[in-house]
Amino acid sequence: MTEPLWQKSTYSEEGSSCVYVATAPTGTILLRESDDPAKTILTTGSHQLGALISAFRSEPDTIPPR
């Protein structure tokens, strides 16, 4: 099994906790946090991730404060 090519999300701010994104060979989207990259990896599809991002964009007050 090849390791995914992780890229820092463009939504992550410099110097803060970051979200990394990769694509599995099956097309599944992989998400992980920079604080503990080996602990938790979430999987989702492109349509579901797109819906989540759209919801955050349209309702920015729903994003928890840091």
N, C-alpha and C. Protein backbone atom coordinates (compact mmCIF):
# COMPACT_ATOMS: atom_id res chain seq x y z
N MET A 1 0.85 -1.19 0.00
CA MET A 1 0.00 0.00 0.00
C MET A 1 0.88 1.24 0.00
N THR A 2 0.61 2.17 -0.88
CA THR A 2 1.40 3.39 -0.94
C THR A 2 0.84 4.43 0.04
N GLU A 3 1.73 5.23 0.57
CA GLU A 3 1.34 6.29 1.49
C GLU A 3 0.65 7.41 0.70
N PRO A 4 -0.42 7.98 1.27
CA PRO A 4 -1.08 9.09 0.59
C PRO A 4 -0.18 10.32 0.54
N LEU A 5 -0.37 11.13 -0.46
CA LEU A 5 0.35 12.40 -0.58
C LEU A 5 -0.48 13.47 0.12
N TRP A 6 -0.08 13.82 1.34
CA TRP A 6 -0.83 14.76 2.17
C TRP A 6 -0.50 16.20 1.77
N GLN A 7 -1.52 17.04 1.68
CA GLN A 7 -1.35 18.46 1.38
C GLN A 7 -2.07 19.27 2.45
N LYS A 8 -1.45 20.36 2.86
CA LYS A 8 -2.06 21.24 3.86
C LYS A 8 -3.25 21.95 3.22
N SER A 9 -4.37 21.95 3.91
CA SER A 9 -5.57 22.61 3.42
C SER A 9 -5.33 24.11 3.30
N THR A 10 -5.87 24.70 2.25
CA THR A 10 -5.74 26.14 2.07
C THR A 10 -6.56 26.91 3.09
N TYR A 11 -7.46 26.24 3.80
CA TYR A 11 -8.26 26.88 4.84
C TYR A 11 -7.51 26.96 6.17
N SER A 12 -6.38 26.29 6.29
CA SER A 12 -5.60 26.30 7.53
C SER A 12 -4.76 27.57 7.60
N GLU A 13 -4.75 28.19 8.76
CA GLU A 13 -3.96 29.40 8.95
C GLU A 13 -2.54 29.03 9.36
N GLU A 14 -1.59 29.87 9.05
CA GLU A 14 -0.19 29.65 9.40
C GLU A 14 -0.04 29.68 10.92
N GLY A 15 0.69 28.71 11.47
CA GLY A 15 0.97 28.68 12.90
C GLY A 15 -0.14 28.12 13.76
N SER A 16 -1.21 27.63 13.13
CA SER A 16 -2.31 27.06 13.92
C SER A 16 -2.41 25.57 13.62
N SER A 17 -3.32 24.91 14.30
CA SER A 17 -3.58 23.51 13.97
C SER A 17 -4.04 23.46 12.52
N CYS A 18 -3.53 22.51 11.79
CA CYS A 18 -3.81 22.43 10.37
C CYS A 18 -4.54 21.15 10.03
N VAL A 19 -5.31 21.23 8.97
CA VAL A 19 -5.96 20.05 8.42
C VAL A 19 -5.22 19.68 7.14
N TYR A 20 -4.90 18.39 7.03
CA TYR A 20 -4.24 17.89 5.83
C TYR A 20 -5.22 17.03 5.05
N VAL A 21 -5.13 17.08 3.73
CA VAL A 21 -6.05 16.39 2.84
C VAL A 21 -5.25 15.53 1.88
N ALA A 22 -5.77 14.34 1.58
CA ALA A 22 -5.15 13.45 0.58
C ALA A 22 -6.28 12.69 -0.12
N THR A 23 -5.96 12.10 -1.24
CA THR A 23 -6.91 11.27 -1.96
C THR A 23 -6.38 9.84 -2.02
N ALA A 24 -7.22 8.89 -1.63
CA ALA A 24 -6.86 7.47 -1.71
C ALA A 24 -6.98 7.01 -3.16
N PRO A 25 -6.33 5.90 -3.52
CA PRO A 25 -6.44 5.38 -4.89
C PRO A 25 -7.89 5.11 -5.32
N THR A 26 -8.77 4.87 -4.37
CA THR A 26 -10.19 4.62 -4.67
C THR A 26 -10.97 5.90 -4.94
N GLY A 27 -10.35 7.07 -4.70
CA GLY A 27 -11.02 8.35 -4.86
C GLY A 27 -11.57 8.90 -3.56
N THR A 28 -11.49 8.14 -2.49
CA THR A 28 -11.94 8.60 -1.18
C THR A 28 -11.05 9.74 -0.70
N ILE A 29 -11.67 10.74 -0.10
CA ILE A 29 -10.93 11.88 0.46
C ILE A 29 -10.53 11.53 1.89
N LEU A 30 -9.26 11.77 2.24
CA LEU A 30 -8.74 11.51 3.58
C LEU A 30 -8.44 12.85 4.25
N LEU A 31 -8.79 12.97 5.52
CA LEU A 31 -8.54 14.19 6.30
C LEU A 31 -7.84 13.81 7.59
N ARG A 32 -6.86 14.60 7.99
CA ARG A 32 -6.20 14.38 9.28
C ARG A 32 -5.78 15.72 9.87
N GLU A 33 -5.60 15.74 11.19
CA GLU A 33 -5.17 16.95 11.88
C GLU A 33 -3.66 16.90 12.10
N SER A 34 -3.03 18.05 12.09
CA SER A 34 -1.57 18.10 12.23
C SER A 34 -1.09 17.76 13.63
N ASP A 35 -1.94 17.97 14.66
CA ASP A 35 -1.51 17.72 16.04
C ASP A 35 -1.16 16.25 16.29
N ASP A 36 -1.89 15.34 15.68
CA ASP A 36 -1.65 13.90 15.88
C ASP A 36 -2.01 13.17 14.59
N PRO A 37 -1.16 13.27 13.58
CA PRO A 37 -1.51 12.76 12.25
C PRO A 37 -1.76 11.26 12.17
N ALA A 38 -1.17 10.48 13.05
CA ALA A 38 -1.36 9.03 12.97
C ALA A 38 -2.58 8.56 13.75
N LYS A 39 -3.10 9.39 14.63
CA LYS A 39 -4.19 8.96 15.52
C LYS A 39 -5.52 8.82 14.80
N THR A 40 -5.94 9.83 14.09
CA THR A 40 -7.26 9.82 13.47
C THR A 40 -7.18 10.29 12.03
N ILE A 41 -7.72 9.49 11.16
CA ILE A 41 -7.86 9.87 9.76
C ILE A 41 -9.33 9.66 9.41
N LEU A 42 -9.97 10.73 8.98
CA LEU A 42 -11.37 10.66 8.57
C LEU A 42 -11.44 10.41 7.07
N THR A 43 -12.45 9.67 6.65
CA THR A 43 -12.64 9.43 5.22
C THR A 43 -14.00 9.98 4.80
N THR A 44 -14.07 10.49 3.59
CA THR A 44 -15.31 11.04 3.07
C THR A 44 -15.26 11.02 1.55
N GLY A 45 -16.36 11.34 0.94
CA GLY A 45 -16.41 11.47 -0.51
C GLY A 45 -16.34 12.93 -0.92
N SER A 46 -16.06 13.18 -2.17
CA SER A 46 -15.91 14.57 -2.62
C SER A 46 -17.21 15.35 -2.51
N HIS A 47 -18.34 14.72 -2.77
CA HIS A 47 -19.62 15.43 -2.66
C HIS A 47 -19.94 15.79 -1.21
N GLN A 48 -19.67 14.88 -0.29
CA GLN A 48 -19.92 15.15 1.12
C GLN A 48 -19.01 16.25 1.65
N LEU A 49 -17.74 16.21 1.27
CA LEU A 49 -16.81 17.25 1.71
C LEU A 49 -17.21 18.59 1.12
N GLY A 50 -17.61 18.60 -0.13
CA GLY A 50 -18.07 19.83 -0.77
C GLY A 50 -19.28 20.42 -0.06
N ALA A 51 -20.21 19.57 0.37
CA ALA A 51 -21.39 20.04 1.10
C ALA A 51 -21.00 20.63 2.45
N LEU A 52 -20.04 20.00 3.14
CA LEU A 52 -19.57 20.52 4.43
C LEU A 52 -18.92 21.89 4.26
N ILE A 53 -18.06 22.02 3.28
CA ILE A 53 -17.39 23.31 3.03
C ILE A 53 -18.41 24.38 2.66
N SER A 54 -19.38 24.03 1.83
CA SER A 54 -20.43 24.99 1.45
C SER A 54 -21.23 25.44 2.67
N ALA A 55 -21.52 24.50 3.57
CA ALA A 55 -22.26 24.86 4.78
C ALA A 55 -21.47 25.82 5.64
N PHE A 56 -20.17 25.58 5.79
CA PHE A 56 -19.34 26.49 6.58
C PHE A 56 -19.26 27.86 5.93
N ARG A 57 -19.19 27.90 4.61
CA ARG A 57 -19.11 29.19 3.92
C ARG A 57 -20.41 29.98 4.08
N SER A 58 -21.55 29.30 4.02
CA SER A 58 -22.83 30.00 4.08
C SER A 58 -23.24 30.33 5.52
N GLU A 59 -22.70 29.60 6.49
CA GLU A 59 -23.03 29.81 7.91
C GLU A 59 -21.75 29.91 8.73
N PRO A 60 -20.92 30.95 8.52
CA PRO A 60 -19.62 31.01 9.21
C PRO A 60 -19.74 31.04 10.74
N ASP A 61 -20.88 31.43 11.27
CA ASP A 61 -21.05 31.46 12.73
C ASP A 61 -21.17 30.08 13.32
N THR A 62 -21.34 29.04 12.49
CA THR A 62 -21.47 27.68 13.00
C THR A 62 -20.11 27.04 13.26
N ILE A 63 -19.04 27.67 12.81
CA ILE A 63 -17.70 27.13 13.03
C ILE A 63 -17.29 27.47 14.47
N PRO A 64 -16.94 26.47 15.28
CA PRO A 64 -16.57 26.74 16.67
C PRO A 64 -15.34 27.64 16.75
N PRO A 65 -15.27 28.53 17.76
CA PRO A 65 -14.08 29.36 17.93
C PRO A 65 -12.88 28.52 18.34
N ARG A 66 -11.70 29.03 18.06
CA ARG A 66 -10.47 28.32 18.41
C ARG A 66 -10.09 28.54 19.82
